[in-house]
Each structure stands twice: as C-alpha cells, then as structure tokens.
PDB file of all heavy atoms in Angstrom:
ATOM      1  N   ASN A   1     168.306  63.807 139.106  1.00  0.00           N
ATOM      2  CA  ASN A   1     167.740  62.530 139.584  1.00  0.00           C
ATOM      3  C   ASN A   1     166.257  62.410 139.273  1.00  0.00           C
ATOM      4  O   ASN A   1     165.650  61.367 139.588  1.00  0.00           O
ATOM      5  CB  ASN A   1     167.954  62.409 141.096  1.00  0.00           C
ATOM      6  CG  ASN A   1     169.450  62.302 141.447  1.00  0.00           C
ATOM      7  OD1 ASN A   1     170.201  61.639 140.716  1.00  0.00           O
ATOM      8  ND2 ASN A   1     169.871  62.964 142.520  1.00  0.00           N
ATOM      9  N   ASN A   2     165.674  63.467 138.707  1.00  0.00           N
ATOM     10  CA  ASN A   2     164.238  63.419 138.379  1.00  0.00           C
ATOM     11  C   ASN A   2     164.102  62.787 137.004  1.00  0.00           C
ATOM     12  O   ASN A   2     163.994  63.450 135.981  1.00  0.00           O
ATOM     13  CB  ASN A   2     163.634  64.814 138.387  1.00  0.00           C
ATOM     14  CG  ASN A   2     162.116  64.777 138.359  1.00  0.00           C
ATOM     15  OD1 ASN A   2     161.519  63.731 138.108  1.00  0.00           O
ATOM     16  ND2 ASN A   2     161.518  65.918 138.627  1.00  0.00           N
ATOM     17  N   ILE A   3     164.120  61.410 137.056  1.00  0.00           N
ATOM     18  CA  ILE A   3     164.151  60.653 135.807  1.00  0.00           C
ATOM     19  C   ILE A   3     162.842  60.822 135.053  1.00  0.00           C
ATOM     20  O   ILE A   3     162.821  60.879 133.824  1.00  0.00           O
ATOM     21  CB  ILE A   3     164.435  59.162 136.095  1.00  0.00           C
ATOM     22  CG1 ILE A   3     165.792  59.030 136.787  1.00  0.00           C
ATOM     23  CG2 ILE A   3     164.429  58.357 134.794  1.00  0.00           C
ATOM     24  CD1 ILE A   3     166.955  59.559 136.031  1.00  0.00           C
ATOM     25  N   GLU A   4     161.749  60.900 135.802  1.00  0.00           N
ATOM     26  CA  GLU A   4     160.441  60.961 135.141  1.00  0.00           C
ATOM     27  C   GLU A   4     160.323  62.217 134.264  1.00  0.00           C
ATOM     28  O   GLU A   4     159.832  62.159 133.145  1.00  0.00           O
ATOM     29  CB  GLU A   4     159.330  60.934 136.183  1.00  0.00           C
ATOM     30  CG  GLU A   4     159.285  59.618 136.949  1.00  0.00           C
ATOM     31  CD  GLU A   4     158.181  59.624 138.005  1.00  0.00           C
ATOM     32  OE1 GLU A   4     157.554  60.707 138.169  1.00  0.00           O
ATOM     33  OE2 GLU A   4     157.948  58.603 138.619  1.00  0.00           O
ATOM     34  N   LYS A   5     160.750  63.366 134.786  1.00  0.00           N
ATOM     35  CA  LYS A   5     160.687  64.590 133.976  1.00  0.00           C
ATOM     36  C   LYS A   5     161.754  64.620 132.889  1.00  0.00           C
ATOM     37  O   LYS A   5     161.529  65.107 131.790  1.00  0.00           O
ATOM     38  CB  LYS A   5     160.832  65.816 134.858  1.00  0.00           C
ATOM     39  CG  LYS A   5     159.634  66.058 135.751  1.00  0.00           C
ATOM     40  CD  LYS A   5     159.782  67.359 136.503  1.00  0.00           C
ATOM     41  CE  LYS A   5     158.538  67.665 137.341  1.00  0.00           C
ATOM     42  NZ  LYS A   5     158.656  68.944 138.057  1.00  0.00           N
ATOM     43  N   LEU A   6     162.921  64.096 133.241  1.00  0.00           N
ATOM     44  CA  LEU A   6     164.007  64.127 132.269  1.00  0.00           C
ATOM     45  C   LEU A   6     163.695  63.274 131.049  1.00  0.00           C
ATOM     46  O   LEU A   6     164.035  63.621 129.921  1.00  0.00           O
ATOM     47  CB  LEU A   6     165.315  63.663 132.919  1.00  0.00           C
ATOM     48  CG  LEU A   6     165.903  64.604 133.982  1.00  0.00           C
ATOM     49  CD1 LEU A   6     167.145  63.972 134.616  1.00  0.00           C
ATOM     50  CD2 LEU A   6     166.250  65.948 133.364  1.00  0.00           C
ATOM     51  N   GLU A   7     163.052  62.096 131.320  1.00  0.00           N
ATOM     52  CA  GLU A   7     162.796  61.223 130.190  1.00  0.00           C
ATOM     53  C   GLU A   7     161.695  61.752 129.262  1.00  0.00           C
ATOM     54  O   GLU A   7     161.497  61.228 128.189  1.00  0.00           O
ATOM     55  CB  GLU A   7     162.407  59.833 130.688  1.00  0.00           C
ATOM     56  CG  GLU A   7     161.068  59.784 131.398  1.00  0.00           C
ATOM     57  CD  GLU A   7     160.724  58.365 131.852  1.00  0.00           C
ATOM     58  OE1 GLU A   7     161.517  57.481 131.543  1.00  0.00           O
ATOM     59  OE2 GLU A   7     159.661  58.187 132.459  1.00  0.00           O
ATOM     60  N   SER A   8     160.979  62.845 129.714  1.00  0.00           N
ATOM     61  CA  SER A   8     159.962  63.444 128.847  1.00  0.00           C
ATOM     62  C   SER A   8     160.534  64.513 127.912  1.00  0.00           C
ATOM     63  O   SER A   8     159.831  65.022 127.043  1.00  0.00           O
ATOM     64  CB  SER A   8     158.843  64.064 129.700  1.00  0.00           C
ATOM     65  OG  SER A   8     159.365  65.134 130.487  1.00  0.00           O
ATOM     66  N   LEU A   9     161.803  64.844 128.125  1.00  0.00           N
ATOM     67  CA  LEU A   9     162.418  65.869 127.275  1.00  0.00           C
ATOM     68  C   LEU A   9     162.601  65.335 125.856  1.00  0.00           C
ATOM     69  O   LEU A   9     162.979  64.176 125.682  1.00  0.00           O
ATOM     70  CB  LEU A   9     163.772  66.299 127.843  1.00  0.00           C
ATOM     71  CG  LEU A   9     163.727  67.033 129.194  1.00  0.00           C
ATOM     72  CD1 LEU A   9     165.140  67.296 129.700  1.00  0.00           C
ATOM     73  CD2 LEU A   9     162.946  68.328 129.064  1.00  0.00           C
ATOM     74  N   PRO A  10     162.334  66.189 124.832  1.00  0.00           N
ATOM     75  CA  PRO A  10     162.452  65.713 123.443  1.00  0.00           C
ATOM     76  C   PRO A  10     163.854  65.268 123.102  1.00  0.00           C
ATOM     77  O   PRO A  10     164.040  64.324 122.333  1.00  0.00           O
ATOM     78  CB  PRO A  10     162.060  66.948 122.616  1.00  0.00           C
ATOM     79  CG  PRO A  10     161.230  67.787 123.523  1.00  0.00           C
ATOM     80  CD  PRO A  10     161.773  67.545 124.908  1.00  0.00           C
ATOM     81  N   GLU A  11     164.897  65.953 123.662  1.00  0.00           N
ATOM     82  CA  GLU A  11     166.274  65.589 123.347  1.00  0.00           C
ATOM     83  C   GLU A  11     166.597  64.184 123.864  1.00  0.00           C
ATOM     84  O   GLU A  11     167.400  63.452 123.264  1.00  0.00           O
ATOM     85  CB  GLU A  11     167.234  66.605 123.964  1.00  0.00           C
ATOM     86  CG  GLU A  11     167.215  67.980 123.305  1.00  0.00           C
ATOM     87  CD  GLU A  11     166.086  68.825 123.825  1.00  0.00           C
ATOM     88  OE1 GLU A  11     165.288  68.305 124.641  1.00  0.00           O
ATOM     89  OE2 GLU A  11     165.945  70.013 123.388  1.00  0.00           O
ATOM     90  N   ILE A  12     165.946  63.787 124.991  1.00  0.00           N
ATOM     91  CA  ILE A  12     166.218  62.454 125.569  1.00  0.00           C
ATOM     92  C   ILE A  12     165.366  61.394 124.885  1.00  0.00           C
ATOM     93  O   ILE A  12     165.849  60.309 124.531  1.00  0.00           O
ATOM     94  CB  ILE A  12     165.965  62.480 127.083  1.00  0.00           C
ATOM     95  CG1 ILE A  12     167.012  63.411 127.741  1.00  0.00           C
ATOM     96  CG2 ILE A  12     166.017  61.086 127.690  1.00  0.00           C
ATOM     97  CD1 ILE A  12     166.827  63.567 129.234  1.00  0.00           C
ATOM     98  N   THR A  13     164.108  61.722 124.670  1.00  0.00           N
ATOM     99  CA  THR A  13     163.219  60.733 124.049  1.00  0.00           C
ATOM    100  C   THR A  13     163.608  60.461 122.616  1.00  0.00           C
ATOM    101  O   THR A  13     163.302  59.393 122.080  1.00  0.00           O
ATOM    102  CB  THR A  13     161.767  61.252 124.082  1.00  0.00           C
ATOM    103  OG1 THR A  13     161.710  62.533 123.451  1.00  0.00           O
ATOM    104  CG2 THR A  13     161.278  61.403 125.505  1.00  0.00           C
ATOM    105  N   ALA A  14     164.289  61.404 121.977  1.00  0.00           N
ATOM    106  CA  ALA A  14     164.686  61.191 120.599  1.00  0.00           C
ATOM    107  C   ALA A  14     165.930  60.317 120.470  1.00  0.00           C
ATOM    108  O   ALA A  14     166.273  59.881 119.366  1.00  0.00           O
ATOM    109  CB  ALA A  14     164.935  62.549 119.928  1.00  0.00           C
ATOM    110  N   HIS A  15     166.632  60.030 121.601  1.00  0.00           N
ATOM    111  CA  HIS A  15     167.861  59.225 121.547  1.00  0.00           C
ATOM    112  C   HIS A  15     167.511  57.771 121.305  1.00  0.00           C
ATOM    113  O   HIS A  15     166.576  57.229 121.897  1.00  0.00           O
ATOM    114  CB  HIS A  15     168.653  59.395 122.845  1.00  0.00           C
ATOM    115  CG  HIS A  15     170.055  58.885 122.733  1.00  0.00           C
ATOM    116  ND1 HIS A  15     170.403  57.570 123.000  1.00  0.00           N
ATOM    117  CD2 HIS A  15     171.203  59.512 122.358  1.00  0.00           C
ATOM    118  CE1 HIS A  15     171.705  57.401 122.815  1.00  0.00           C
ATOM    119  NE2 HIS A  15     172.228  58.602 122.423  1.00  0.00           N
ATOM    120  N   ARG A  16     168.235  57.108 120.429  1.00  0.00           N
ATOM    121  CA  ARG A  16     167.921  55.729 120.053  1.00  0.00           C
ATOM    122  C   ARG A  16     168.059  54.757 121.221  1.00  0.00           C
ATOM    123  O   ARG A  16     167.209  53.870 121.437  1.00  0.00           O
ATOM    124  CB  ARG A  16     168.835  55.292 118.896  1.00  0.00           C
ATOM    125  CG  ARG A  16     168.543  53.893 118.374  1.00  0.00           C
ATOM    126  CD  ARG A  16     167.164  53.880 117.761  1.00  0.00           C
ATOM    127  NE  ARG A  16     166.835  52.568 117.244  1.00  0.00           N
ATOM    128  CZ  ARG A  16     167.099  52.154 115.987  1.00  0.00           C
ATOM    129  NH1 ARG A  16     167.689  53.005 115.151  1.00  0.00           N
ATOM    130  NH2 ARG A  16     166.763  50.951 115.564  1.00  0.00           N
ATOM    131  N   GLY A  17     169.097  54.931 122.016  1.00  0.00           N
ATOM    132  CA  GLY A  17     169.297  54.032 123.172  1.00  0.00           C
ATOM    133  C   GLY A  17     168.176  54.191 124.176  1.00  0.00           C
ATOM    134  O   GLY A  17     167.701  53.191 124.745  1.00  0.00           O
ATOM    135  N   ILE A  18     167.738  55.414 124.376  1.00  0.00           N
ATOM    136  CA  ILE A  18     166.649  55.662 125.319  1.00  0.00           C
ATOM    137  C   ILE A  18     165.369  55.051 124.783  1.00  0.00           C
ATOM    138  O   ILE A  18     164.574  54.462 125.539  1.00  0.00           O
ATOM    139  CB  ILE A  18     166.476  57.168 125.558  1.00  0.00           C
ATOM    140  CG1 ILE A  18     167.761  57.802 126.118  1.00  0.00           C
ATOM    141  CG2 ILE A  18     165.307  57.442 126.482  1.00  0.00           C
ATOM    142  CD1 ILE A  18     168.190  57.214 127.457  1.00  0.00           C
ATOM    143  N   GLN A  19     165.161  55.193 123.477  1.00  0.00           N
ATOM    144  CA  GLN A  19     163.954  54.611 122.879  1.00  0.00           C
ATOM    145  C   GLN A  19     163.950  53.093 123.041  1.00  0.00           C
ATOM    146  O   GLN A  19     162.919  52.487 123.388  1.00  0.00           O
ATOM    147  CB  GLN A  19     163.870  55.009 121.395  1.00  0.00           C
ATOM    148  CG  GLN A  19     163.579  56.481 121.164  1.00  0.00           C
ATOM    149  CD  GLN A  19     163.545  56.839 119.687  1.00  0.00           C
ATOM    150  OE1 GLN A  19     163.841  55.973 118.833  1.00  0.00           O
ATOM    151  NE2 GLN A  19     163.208  58.112 119.396  1.00  0.00           N
ATOM    152  N   ASP A  20     165.120  52.434 122.826  1.00  0.00           N
ATOM    153  CA  ASP A  20     165.205  50.961 122.981  1.00  0.00           C
ATOM    154  C   ASP A  20     164.956  50.552 124.431  1.00  0.00           C
ATOM    155  O   ASP A  20     164.235  49.565 124.710  1.00  0.00           O
ATOM    156  CB  ASP A  20     166.579  50.461 122.520  1.00  0.00           C
ATOM    157  CG  ASP A  20     166.771  50.650 121.009  1.00  0.00           C
ATOM    158  OD1 ASP A  20     165.734  50.812 120.319  1.00  0.00           O
ATOM    159  OD2 ASP A  20     167.932  50.677 120.540  1.00  0.00           O
ATOM    160  N   ALA A  21     165.534  51.324 125.369  1.00  0.00           N
ATOM    161  CA  ALA A  21     165.351  51.001 126.794  1.00  0.00           C
ATOM    162  C   ALA A  21     163.891  51.161 127.194  1.00  0.00           C
ATOM    163  O   ALA A  21     163.342  50.346 127.957  1.00  0.00           O
ATOM    164  CB  ALA A  21     166.242  51.895 127.641  1.00  0.00           C
ATOM    165  N   LYS A  22     163.238  52.188 126.691  1.00  0.00           N
ATOM    166  CA  LYS A  22     161.843  52.417 127.033  1.00  0.00           C
ATOM    167  C   LYS A  22     160.944  51.352 126.416  1.00  0.00           C
ATOM    168  O   LYS A  22     159.964  50.902 127.040  1.00  0.00           O
ATOM    169  CB  LYS A  22     161.398  53.811 126.544  1.00  0.00           C
ATOM    170  CG  LYS A  22     162.048  54.927 127.334  1.00  0.00           C
ATOM    171  CD  LYS A  22     161.505  56.283 126.915  1.00  0.00           C
ATOM    172  CE  LYS A  22     160.122  56.468 127.451  1.00  0.00           C
ATOM    173  NZ  LYS A  22     159.598  57.832 127.187  1.00  0.00           N
ATOM    174  N   ASN A  23     161.280  50.907 125.185  1.00  0.00           N
ATOM    175  CA  ASN A  23     160.528  49.815 124.571  1.00  0.00           C
ATOM    176  C   ASN A  23     160.675  48.531 125.399  1.00  0.00           C
ATOM    177  O   ASN A  23     159.703  47.780 125.616  1.00  0.00           O
ATOM    178  CB  ASN A  23     161.006  49.584 123.137  1.00  0.00           C
ATOM    179  CG  ASN A  23     160.637  50.750 122.220  1.00  0.00           C
ATOM    180  OD1 ASN A  23     159.650  51.451 122.493  1.00  0.00           O
ATOM    181  ND2 ASN A  23     161.393  50.942 121.142  1.00  0.00           N
ATOM    182  N   GLN A  24     161.923  48.230 125.883  1.00  0.00           N
ATOM    183  CA  GLN A  24     162.169  47.054 126.720  1.00  0.00           C
ATOM    184  C   GLN A  24     161.405  47.173 128.018  1.00  0.00           C
ATOM    185  O   GLN A  24     160.834  46.188 128.514  1.00  0.00           O
ATOM    186  CB  GLN A  24     163.685  46.914 127.004  1.00  0.00           C
ATOM    187  CG  GLN A  24     164.059  45.632 127.755  1.00  0.00           C
ATOM    188  CD  GLN A  24     163.777  44.368 126.944  1.00  0.00           C
ATOM    189  OE1 GLN A  24     163.887  44.377 125.713  1.00  0.00           O
ATOM    190  NE2 GLN A  24     163.411  43.266 127.602  1.00  0.00           N
ATOM    191  N   LEU A  25     161.338  48.374 128.541  1.00  0.00           N
ATOM    192  CA  LEU A  25     160.620  48.596 129.798  1.00  0.00           C
ATOM    193  C   LEU A  25     159.130  48.329 129.616  1.00  0.00           C
ATOM    194  O   LEU A  25     158.476  47.721 130.473  1.00  0.00           O
ATOM    195  CB  LEU A  25     160.847  50.038 130.260  1.00  0.00           C
ATOM    196  CG  LEU A  25     160.105  50.457 131.546  1.00  0.00           C
ATOM    197  CD1 LEU A  25     160.572  49.574 132.739  1.00  0.00           C
ATOM    198  CD2 LEU A  25     160.360  51.940 131.848  1.00  0.00           C
ATOM    199  N   ILE A  26     158.611  48.800 128.492  1.00  0.00           N
ATOM    200  CA  ILE A  26     157.169  48.596 128.230  1.00  0.00           C
ATOM    201  C   ILE A  26     156.856  47.115 128.107  1.00  0.00           C
ATOM    202  O   ILE A  26     155.862  46.602 128.658  1.00  0.00           O
ATOM    203  CB  ILE A  26     156.765  49.368 126.960  1.00  0.00           C
ATOM    204  CG1 ILE A  26     156.857  50.876 127.192  1.00  0.00           C
ATOM    205  CG2 ILE A  26     155.335  49.009 126.519  1.00  0.00           C
ATOM    206  CD1 ILE A  26     156.710  51.692 125.949  1.00  0.00           C
ATOM    207  N   LEU A  27     157.710  46.332 127.414  1.00  0.00           N
ATOM    208  CA  LEU A  27     157.491  44.896 127.241  1.00  0.00           C
ATOM    209  C   LEU A  27     157.575  44.179 128.583  1.00  0.00           C
ATOM    210  O   LEU A  27     156.764  43.277 128.885  1.00  0.00           O
ATOM    211  CB  LEU A  27     158.518  44.326 126.254  1.00  0.00           C
ATOM    212  CG  LEU A  27     158.394  44.799 124.786  1.00  0.00           C
ATOM    213  CD1 LEU A  27     159.561  44.259 123.957  1.00  0.00           C
ATOM    214  CD2 LEU A  27     157.074  44.366 124.204  1.00  0.00           C
TER     215      LEU A  27
END
C-alpha cells in the first residue's frame, strides 16, 4: 500500500501504463 515508494521503483516507473498515468497526474 506504500504507493509513494513503490512508484519510485525502476521496474514500475519503466512500465508504459504507469508512465502514462503519471503524465496524466502531472497535467
């Protein structure tokens, strides 16, 4: 449930869906 630490992992940040979701979040 620790999304903040999990989303910093290279395996997660490298996923295309995660990258799109994070870009949408930033916008």
